[in-house]
């Protein structure tokens, strides 16, 4: 009979074991929620930087395709501001080497700029 009483007593979990398991589970779920919010923020920044790089590259290709002339200009595309300049050569050794600079940044934050520089020979 003593064996039956011990068998009945050891069926299932105690309240303390359930509370510890719930505590560990809640800590894990909070860590996962924090991971999701951080990954969403990083993905947003990455998308913004990719858009800025694409806009800068497209403008650089368009500027390299035209005949160079000194120019400074700016436009706004898809929430990004693009500025570009084509500068005539300053040294007399190579008067056909022009410098092109394209800078793209979010309209609200100039500190997050992507800048491309290139030279072109005409």
Protein backbone atom coordinates (compact mmCIF):
# COMPACT_ATOMS: atom_id res chain seq x y z
CA UNK A 1 0.00 0.00 0.00
CA UNK A 2 2.85 2.36 0.70
CA UNK A 3 3.93 2.05 -2.92
CA UNK A 4 0.53 3.23 -4.19
CA UNK A 5 0.62 6.38 -2.04
CA UNK A 6 4.06 7.39 -3.37
CA UNK A 7 2.94 6.74 -6.96
CA UNK A 8 -0.07 9.02 -6.53
CA UNK A 9 2.03 11.76 -4.95
CA UNK A 10 4.61 11.92 -7.81
CA UNK A 11 2.16 12.37 -10.71
CA UNK A 12 2.50 15.88 -12.25
CA UNK A 13 4.36 19.09 -11.49
CA UNK A 14 4.48 21.15 -8.35
CA UNK A 15 3.40 24.78 -8.33
CA UNK A 16 7.03 25.89 -7.88
CA UNK A 17 8.15 23.96 -10.98
CA UNK A 18 5.37 25.51 -13.07
CA UNK A 19 6.24 29.05 -11.83
CA UNK A 20 9.95 28.58 -12.68
CA UNK A 21 9.08 27.22 -16.15
CA UNK A 22 6.75 30.19 -16.82
CA UNK A 23 9.46 32.63 -15.68
CA UNK A 24 12.02 31.10 -18.04
CA UNK A 25 9.50 31.08 -20.89
CA UNK A 26 8.56 34.73 -20.33
CA UNK A 27 12.23 35.82 -20.34
CA UNK A 28 12.71 33.99 -23.64
CA UNK A 29 9.62 35.59 -25.17
CA UNK A 30 10.71 39.07 -24.09
CA UNK A 31 14.11 38.49 -25.67
CA UNK A 32 12.44 37.42 -28.92
CA UNK A 33 10.21 40.52 -28.95
CA UNK A 34 13.26 42.73 -28.46
CA UNK A 35 15.02 40.90 -31.30
CA UNK A 36 12.10 41.52 -33.66
CA UNK A 37 11.95 45.26 -32.92
CA UNK A 38 15.72 45.63 -33.35
CA UNK A 39 15.69 43.71 -36.63
CA UNK A 40 12.84 45.89 -37.92
CA UNK A 41 14.84 49.05 -37.16
CA UNK A 42 17.99 47.68 -38.82
CA UNK A 43 15.98 46.60 -41.88
CA UNK A 44 14.52 50.10 -42.21
CA UNK A 45 17.98 51.69 -42.06
CA UNK A 46 19.30 49.18 -44.59
CA UNK A 47 16.44 49.89 -47.01
CA UNK A 48 17.08 53.64 -46.71
CA UNK A 49 20.80 53.21 -47.38
CA UNK A 50 20.16 50.93 -50.36
CA UNK A 51 17.75 53.47 -51.85
CA UNK A 52 20.28 56.28 -51.35
CA UNK A 53 23.07 54.24 -52.96
CA UNK A 54 20.86 53.35 -55.93
CA UNK A 55 19.82 56.97 -56.46
CA UNK A 56 23.46 58.11 -56.24
CA UNK A 57 24.59 55.47 -58.72
CA UNK A 58 21.82 56.33 -61.19
CA UNK A 59 22.67 60.04 -61.04
CA UNK A 60 26.39 59.32 -61.39
CA UNK A 61 25.76 57.23 -64.52
CA UNK A 62 23.56 59.98 -65.99
CA UNK A 63 26.20 62.64 -65.30
CA UNK A 64 28.99 60.53 -66.76
CA UNK A 65 26.96 60.10 -69.96
CA UNK A 66 26.68 63.84 -70.69
CA UNK A 67 29.33 66.22 -71.92
CA UNK A 68 30.87 67.79 -68.83
CA UNK A 69 30.29 71.39 -67.93
CA UNK A 70 30.68 73.03 -64.54
CA UNK A 71 27.43 72.60 -62.62
CA UNK A 72 26.08 72.45 -59.07
CA UNK A 73 22.50 71.25 -58.66
CA UNK A 74 20.06 69.57 -56.31
CA UNK A 75 16.80 67.64 -56.56
CA UNK A 76 14.53 65.55 -54.32
CA UNK A 77 13.50 62.00 -55.24
CA UNK A 78 11.56 59.51 -53.08
CA UNK A 79 12.23 61.37 -49.83
CA UNK A 80 15.94 61.69 -50.60
CA UNK A 81 17.81 64.84 -51.57
CA UNK A 82 20.49 64.52 -54.23
CA UNK A 83 23.18 67.12 -54.77
CA UNK A 84 25.79 66.87 -57.47
CA UNK A 85 28.60 68.85 -58.94
CA UNK A 86 30.82 68.61 -61.96
CA UNK A 87 34.06 70.48 -61.50
CA UNK A 88 36.44 71.50 -64.24
CA UNK A 89 40.04 70.43 -63.81
CA UNK A 90 42.17 72.78 -61.76
CA UNK A 91 45.60 71.67 -62.92
CA UNK A 92 46.99 72.55 -66.32
CA UNK A 93 48.71 69.17 -66.69
CA UNK A 94 45.51 67.38 -67.57
CA UNK A 95 42.77 69.82 -68.60
CA UNK A 96 40.44 67.03 -69.78
CA UNK A 97 40.02 65.28 -66.40
CA UNK A 98 36.73 66.34 -64.73
CA UNK A 99 35.60 65.53 -61.18
CA UNK A 100 32.00 64.43 -60.53
CA UNK A 101 30.53 64.25 -57.01
CA UNK A 102 27.05 62.97 -56.12
CA UNK A 103 25.74 63.13 -52.55
CA UNK A 104 22.40 61.58 -51.48
CA UNK A 105 20.85 61.90 -48.03
CA UNK A 106 17.43 61.61 -46.42
CA UNK A 107 15.71 64.98 -46.67
CA UNK A 108 15.32 65.20 -42.89
CA UNK A 109 18.86 64.05 -41.94
CA UNK A 110 21.94 65.35 -43.77
CA UNK A 111 24.25 63.43 -41.44
CA UNK A 112 23.28 60.11 -43.06
CA UNK A 113 24.70 60.94 -46.50
CA UNK A 114 26.09 58.60 -49.14
CA UNK A 115 28.65 60.23 -51.39
CA UNK A 116 30.08 59.02 -54.69
CA UNK A 117 33.08 60.62 -56.36
CA UNK A 118 34.38 59.92 -59.81
CA UNK A 119 36.59 61.38 -62.46
CA UNK A 120 35.96 61.30 -66.15
CA UNK A 121 38.30 61.99 -69.04
CA UNK A 122 36.99 64.09 -71.94
